[in-house]
N, C-alpha and C. Protein backbone atom coordinates (compact mmCIF):
# COMPACT_ATOMS: atom_id res chain seq x y z
N MET A 1 2.79 -9.84 -18.00
CA MET A 1 3.67 -11.00 -17.82
C MET A 1 4.28 -10.96 -16.42
N GLY A 2 4.26 -12.08 -15.75
CA GLY A 2 4.81 -12.15 -14.41
C GLY A 2 6.32 -12.21 -14.40
N LYS A 3 6.86 -12.18 -13.22
CA LYS A 3 8.30 -12.25 -13.03
C LYS A 3 8.60 -13.45 -12.15
N ILE A 4 9.69 -14.15 -12.45
CA ILE A 4 10.06 -15.33 -11.67
C ILE A 4 11.35 -15.04 -10.90
N PHE A 5 11.28 -15.31 -9.60
CA PHE A 5 12.43 -15.17 -8.70
C PHE A 5 12.92 -16.56 -8.33
N ALA A 6 14.21 -16.71 -8.12
CA ALA A 6 14.77 -17.95 -7.59
C ALA A 6 15.38 -17.65 -6.23
N VAL A 7 15.08 -18.53 -5.26
CA VAL A 7 15.67 -18.42 -3.93
C VAL A 7 16.23 -19.79 -3.57
N PRO A 8 17.56 -19.90 -3.36
CA PRO A 8 18.12 -21.19 -2.95
C PRO A 8 17.70 -21.50 -1.52
N VAL A 9 17.15 -22.70 -1.30
CA VAL A 9 16.65 -23.02 0.04
C VAL A 9 17.23 -24.31 0.60
N ILE A 10 17.28 -24.32 1.93
CA ILE A 10 17.60 -25.52 2.69
C ILE A 10 16.68 -25.49 3.90
N ASP A 11 16.00 -26.58 4.18
CA ASP A 11 15.02 -26.65 5.27
C ASP A 11 13.97 -25.54 5.17
N GLY A 12 13.55 -25.19 3.96
CA GLY A 12 12.48 -24.23 3.76
C GLY A 12 12.85 -22.77 3.90
N ARG A 13 14.13 -22.48 4.13
CA ARG A 13 14.59 -21.10 4.29
C ARG A 13 15.76 -20.84 3.35
N LEU A 14 16.06 -19.56 3.14
CA LEU A 14 17.18 -19.19 2.28
C LEU A 14 18.45 -19.89 2.74
N CYS A 15 19.12 -20.56 1.82
CA CYS A 15 20.42 -21.19 2.07
C CYS A 15 21.47 -20.11 1.91
N MET A 16 22.33 -19.94 2.90
CA MET A 16 23.26 -18.82 2.89
C MET A 16 24.31 -18.91 1.78
N HIS A 17 24.58 -20.07 1.26
CA HIS A 17 25.46 -20.20 0.09
C HIS A 17 24.67 -20.93 -0.99
N PHE A 18 24.39 -20.23 -2.08
CA PHE A 18 23.47 -20.78 -3.08
C PHE A 18 23.94 -22.11 -3.64
N GLY A 19 25.24 -22.36 -3.70
CA GLY A 19 25.76 -23.61 -4.25
C GLY A 19 25.53 -24.82 -3.37
N HIS A 20 25.09 -24.60 -2.12
CA HIS A 20 24.87 -25.71 -1.19
C HIS A 20 23.39 -25.96 -0.93
N CYS A 21 22.53 -25.39 -1.75
CA CYS A 21 21.09 -25.50 -1.49
C CYS A 21 20.55 -26.89 -1.81
N GLU A 22 19.43 -27.23 -1.14
CA GLU A 22 18.72 -28.49 -1.43
C GLU A 22 17.83 -28.33 -2.66
N LYS A 23 17.18 -27.17 -2.73
CA LYS A 23 16.24 -26.88 -3.81
C LYS A 23 16.28 -25.39 -4.12
N PHE A 24 15.68 -25.04 -5.23
CA PHE A 24 15.42 -23.63 -5.54
C PHE A 24 13.92 -23.42 -5.42
N ALA A 25 13.53 -22.39 -4.68
CA ALA A 25 12.13 -21.98 -4.67
C ALA A 25 11.98 -21.03 -5.85
N LEU A 26 11.11 -21.38 -6.79
CA LEU A 26 10.81 -20.50 -7.91
C LEU A 26 9.50 -19.80 -7.56
N VAL A 27 9.59 -18.50 -7.37
CA VAL A 27 8.44 -17.71 -6.93
C VAL A 27 7.98 -16.86 -8.11
N THR A 28 6.78 -17.14 -8.59
CA THR A 28 6.22 -16.40 -9.72
C THR A 28 5.31 -15.30 -9.19
N THR A 29 5.54 -14.08 -9.69
CA THR A 29 4.73 -12.95 -9.26
C THR A 29 3.99 -12.36 -10.45
N GLU A 30 2.88 -11.74 -10.16
CA GLU A 30 2.07 -11.05 -11.16
C GLU A 30 1.51 -9.82 -10.48
N ASN A 31 1.71 -8.65 -11.08
CA ASN A 31 1.20 -7.40 -10.50
C ASN A 31 1.61 -7.23 -9.04
N ASN A 32 2.89 -7.49 -8.77
CA ASN A 32 3.47 -7.34 -7.42
C ASN A 32 2.84 -8.22 -6.35
N SER A 33 2.24 -9.34 -6.75
CA SER A 33 1.78 -10.30 -5.75
C SER A 33 2.23 -11.70 -6.17
N ILE A 34 2.39 -12.56 -5.17
CA ILE A 34 2.88 -13.91 -5.42
C ILE A 34 1.75 -14.78 -5.97
N GLU A 35 1.98 -15.37 -7.14
CA GLU A 35 1.00 -16.24 -7.79
C GLU A 35 1.23 -17.70 -7.43
N LYS A 36 2.51 -18.12 -7.44
CA LYS A 36 2.79 -19.52 -7.10
C LYS A 36 4.23 -19.67 -6.66
N ILE A 37 4.47 -20.72 -5.88
CA ILE A 37 5.81 -21.08 -5.43
C ILE A 37 6.01 -22.54 -5.79
N GLU A 38 7.10 -22.80 -6.48
CA GLU A 38 7.40 -24.16 -6.92
C GLU A 38 8.81 -24.51 -6.45
N MET A 39 8.98 -25.67 -5.86
CA MET A 39 10.30 -26.13 -5.43
C MET A 39 10.88 -27.04 -6.51
N VAL A 40 12.09 -26.72 -6.97
CA VAL A 40 12.73 -27.54 -8.00
C VAL A 40 14.10 -28.01 -7.52
N GLU A 41 14.41 -29.23 -7.90
CA GLU A 41 15.72 -29.82 -7.58
C GLU A 41 16.75 -29.22 -8.52
N PRO A 42 17.87 -28.74 -7.99
CA PRO A 42 18.90 -28.22 -8.88
C PRO A 42 19.69 -29.37 -9.51
N PRO A 43 20.33 -29.10 -10.64
CA PRO A 43 21.24 -30.10 -11.21
C PRO A 43 22.49 -30.18 -10.32
N VAL A 44 23.38 -31.10 -10.63
CA VAL A 44 24.64 -31.22 -9.90
C VAL A 44 25.36 -29.87 -9.98
N HIS A 45 25.85 -29.40 -8.82
CA HIS A 45 26.50 -28.09 -8.77
C HIS A 45 27.90 -28.14 -9.38
N GLN A 46 28.03 -27.46 -10.50
CA GLN A 46 29.33 -27.28 -11.16
C GLN A 46 29.34 -25.84 -11.66
N PRO A 47 30.53 -25.25 -11.84
CA PRO A 47 30.58 -23.86 -12.28
C PRO A 47 29.77 -23.62 -13.56
N GLY A 48 28.90 -22.63 -13.50
CA GLY A 48 28.13 -22.23 -14.67
C GLY A 48 26.83 -22.97 -14.89
N VAL A 49 26.57 -24.04 -14.12
CA VAL A 49 25.37 -24.85 -14.34
C VAL A 49 24.11 -24.15 -13.83
N TYR A 50 24.16 -23.62 -12.60
CA TYR A 50 22.96 -23.01 -12.03
C TYR A 50 22.46 -21.81 -12.83
N PRO A 51 23.34 -20.89 -13.26
CA PRO A 51 22.83 -19.75 -14.05
C PRO A 51 22.09 -20.19 -15.31
N ARG A 52 22.64 -21.16 -16.04
CA ARG A 52 21.96 -21.65 -17.25
C ARG A 52 20.65 -22.33 -16.91
N PHE A 53 20.67 -23.19 -15.89
CA PHE A 53 19.48 -23.92 -15.45
C PHE A 53 18.36 -22.94 -15.09
N LEU A 54 18.67 -21.93 -14.29
CA LEU A 54 17.64 -20.99 -13.85
C LEU A 54 17.19 -20.08 -15.00
N ALA A 55 18.09 -19.73 -15.90
CA ALA A 55 17.70 -18.93 -17.07
C ALA A 55 16.70 -19.71 -17.93
N GLU A 56 16.95 -21.01 -18.09
CA GLU A 56 16.03 -21.85 -18.87
C GLU A 56 14.66 -21.96 -18.20
N MET A 57 14.61 -21.78 -16.87
CA MET A 57 13.34 -21.83 -16.13
C MET A 57 12.62 -20.47 -16.18
N GLY A 58 13.24 -19.47 -16.80
CA GLY A 58 12.61 -18.16 -16.92
C GLY A 58 12.87 -17.22 -15.76
N VAL A 59 13.83 -17.57 -14.90
CA VAL A 59 14.14 -16.74 -13.73
C VAL A 59 14.74 -15.40 -14.17
N GLU A 60 14.28 -14.33 -13.54
CA GLU A 60 14.79 -12.99 -13.83
C GLU A 60 15.60 -12.41 -12.68
N THR A 61 15.38 -12.89 -11.45
CA THR A 61 16.10 -12.39 -10.28
C THR A 61 16.41 -13.55 -9.36
N ILE A 62 17.66 -13.60 -8.84
CA ILE A 62 18.01 -14.57 -7.80
C ILE A 62 18.30 -13.78 -6.53
N ILE A 63 17.72 -14.26 -5.43
CA ILE A 63 17.94 -13.67 -4.12
C ILE A 63 18.78 -14.67 -3.34
N ALA A 64 19.96 -14.23 -2.87
CA ALA A 64 20.88 -15.16 -2.22
C ALA A 64 21.56 -14.52 -1.02
N GLY A 65 22.09 -15.38 -0.15
CA GLY A 65 22.88 -14.90 0.98
C GLY A 65 24.29 -14.58 0.51
N GLY A 66 24.97 -15.59 -0.02
CA GLY A 66 26.32 -15.41 -0.51
C GLY A 66 26.52 -16.08 -1.85
N MET A 67 27.38 -15.45 -2.66
CA MET A 67 27.63 -15.97 -4.00
C MET A 67 28.98 -15.44 -4.47
N GLY A 68 29.78 -16.32 -5.04
CA GLY A 68 31.08 -15.90 -5.57
C GLY A 68 30.94 -14.92 -6.73
N ILE A 69 31.98 -14.14 -6.95
CA ILE A 69 31.97 -13.13 -8.01
C ILE A 69 31.77 -13.76 -9.38
N LYS A 70 32.43 -14.88 -9.65
CA LYS A 70 32.28 -15.54 -10.95
C LYS A 70 30.83 -15.96 -11.18
N ALA A 71 30.19 -16.52 -10.14
CA ALA A 71 28.79 -16.92 -10.27
C ALA A 71 27.92 -15.69 -10.56
N GLN A 72 28.18 -14.59 -9.86
CA GLN A 72 27.41 -13.37 -10.11
C GLN A 72 27.55 -12.92 -11.56
N GLU A 73 28.77 -12.99 -12.08
CA GLU A 73 29.01 -12.62 -13.49
C GLU A 73 28.24 -13.53 -14.44
N LEU A 74 28.22 -14.84 -14.13
CA LEU A 74 27.51 -15.79 -14.99
C LEU A 74 26.00 -15.55 -14.96
N PHE A 75 25.46 -15.21 -13.79
CA PHE A 75 24.03 -14.88 -13.72
C PHE A 75 23.75 -13.63 -14.56
N THR A 76 24.61 -12.63 -14.44
CA THR A 76 24.42 -11.39 -15.21
C THR A 76 24.47 -11.69 -16.71
N GLN A 77 25.39 -12.55 -17.13
CA GLN A 77 25.48 -12.93 -18.55
C GLN A 77 24.22 -13.63 -19.02
N ASN A 78 23.51 -14.28 -18.09
CA ASN A 78 22.26 -14.97 -18.43
C ASN A 78 21.04 -14.06 -18.18
N ASN A 79 21.29 -12.75 -18.06
CA ASN A 79 20.23 -11.76 -17.86
C ASN A 79 19.42 -12.00 -16.60
N ILE A 80 20.09 -12.45 -15.54
CA ILE A 80 19.44 -12.66 -14.25
C ILE A 80 20.02 -11.66 -13.26
N GLU A 81 19.14 -10.84 -12.66
CA GLU A 81 19.55 -9.89 -11.64
C GLU A 81 19.96 -10.66 -10.39
N VAL A 82 21.06 -10.23 -9.74
CA VAL A 82 21.56 -10.89 -8.55
C VAL A 82 21.37 -9.95 -7.35
N PHE A 83 20.72 -10.44 -6.32
CA PHE A 83 20.52 -9.68 -5.09
C PHE A 83 21.12 -10.51 -3.97
N VAL A 84 22.30 -10.12 -3.46
CA VAL A 84 23.01 -10.93 -2.46
C VAL A 84 23.10 -10.21 -1.11
N GLY A 85 23.53 -10.99 -0.11
CA GLY A 85 23.73 -10.43 1.22
C GLY A 85 22.45 -10.39 2.03
N VAL A 86 21.53 -11.29 1.73
CA VAL A 86 20.21 -11.32 2.35
C VAL A 86 20.22 -12.34 3.48
N GLY A 87 19.47 -12.05 4.55
CA GLY A 87 19.37 -12.97 5.68
C GLY A 87 18.47 -14.16 5.38
N SER A 88 18.60 -15.21 6.18
CA SER A 88 17.86 -16.44 5.97
C SER A 88 16.41 -16.30 6.43
N GLU A 89 15.49 -16.34 5.47
CA GLU A 89 14.05 -16.28 5.73
C GLU A 89 13.36 -17.20 4.74
N GLU A 90 12.03 -17.31 4.87
CA GLU A 90 11.25 -18.08 3.91
C GLU A 90 11.25 -17.34 2.57
N PRO A 91 11.28 -18.08 1.46
CA PRO A 91 11.34 -17.45 0.14
C PRO A 91 10.25 -16.43 -0.12
N GLU A 92 9.00 -16.75 0.28
CA GLU A 92 7.91 -15.82 -0.01
C GLU A 92 8.08 -14.49 0.74
N ASN A 93 8.64 -14.53 1.96
CA ASN A 93 8.90 -13.29 2.70
C ASN A 93 9.93 -12.44 1.97
N LEU A 94 10.98 -13.08 1.47
CA LEU A 94 12.03 -12.35 0.77
C LEU A 94 11.50 -11.69 -0.50
N VAL A 95 10.69 -12.42 -1.25
CA VAL A 95 10.14 -11.87 -2.49
C VAL A 95 9.17 -10.73 -2.18
N ARG A 96 8.33 -10.90 -1.15
CA ARG A 96 7.42 -9.80 -0.77
C ARG A 96 8.20 -8.55 -0.41
N LYS A 97 9.29 -8.72 0.35
CA LYS A 97 10.13 -7.57 0.72
C LYS A 97 10.73 -6.93 -0.53
N TYR A 98 11.21 -7.75 -1.45
CA TYR A 98 11.79 -7.24 -2.70
C TYR A 98 10.74 -6.40 -3.45
N LEU A 99 9.54 -6.95 -3.57
CA LEU A 99 8.49 -6.28 -4.34
C LEU A 99 8.07 -4.95 -3.71
N SER A 100 8.22 -4.84 -2.40
CA SER A 100 7.84 -3.60 -1.72
C SER A 100 9.05 -2.72 -1.40
N ASP A 101 10.18 -3.01 -2.05
CA ASP A 101 11.43 -2.25 -1.85
C ASP A 101 11.88 -2.25 -0.39
N GLN A 102 11.60 -3.33 0.32
CA GLN A 102 11.99 -3.45 1.73
C GLN A 102 13.14 -4.43 1.94
N LEU A 103 13.58 -5.12 0.87
CA LEU A 103 14.62 -6.14 1.02
C LEU A 103 15.97 -5.45 1.18
N GLN A 104 16.64 -5.77 2.26
CA GLN A 104 17.94 -5.16 2.55
C GLN A 104 19.06 -6.10 2.11
N SER A 105 19.99 -5.57 1.33
CA SER A 105 21.17 -6.37 1.00
C SER A 105 22.27 -5.99 1.96
N GLY A 106 23.01 -6.99 2.37
CA GLY A 106 24.13 -6.76 3.29
C GLY A 106 25.41 -7.21 2.62
N ALA A 107 26.34 -7.63 3.43
CA ALA A 107 27.62 -8.11 2.90
C ALA A 107 27.39 -9.43 2.18
N ASN A 108 28.08 -9.59 1.05
CA ASN A 108 28.06 -10.87 0.36
C ASN A 108 28.77 -11.86 1.26
N LEU A 109 28.10 -12.92 1.62
CA LEU A 109 28.62 -13.86 2.59
C LEU A 109 29.46 -14.96 1.97
N CYS A 110 29.98 -14.71 0.79
CA CYS A 110 30.82 -15.68 0.10
C CYS A 110 32.04 -14.95 -0.43
N ASP A 111 33.21 -15.55 -0.28
CA ASP A 111 34.42 -14.83 -0.70
C ASP A 111 35.18 -15.52 -1.81
N HIS A 112 34.48 -16.34 -2.62
CA HIS A 112 35.17 -16.94 -3.76
C HIS A 112 34.35 -16.80 -5.02
């Protein structure tokens, strides 16, 4: 069974604050390689909406630049691993780095 990652994007690259993204890149992997990338429109951003939406899409890990503590808790409650503090790159590069244990997390770039 593959794994699905979500990466909030704006202009094709990681959006530094997940709540301000244009789309989510859903990256499906199988045997540590990328099988497909699908861009999905998020619902209207309100507290608690994105974690439920992404959980319903089968997402297991979200890779983000910045995310508030409450949002991180809601993702965890929806059994979604949160990886924050990542620099802005194309979604497939971030997932490849994650899969090869090369993805570096830095400071969470969100303070709410």
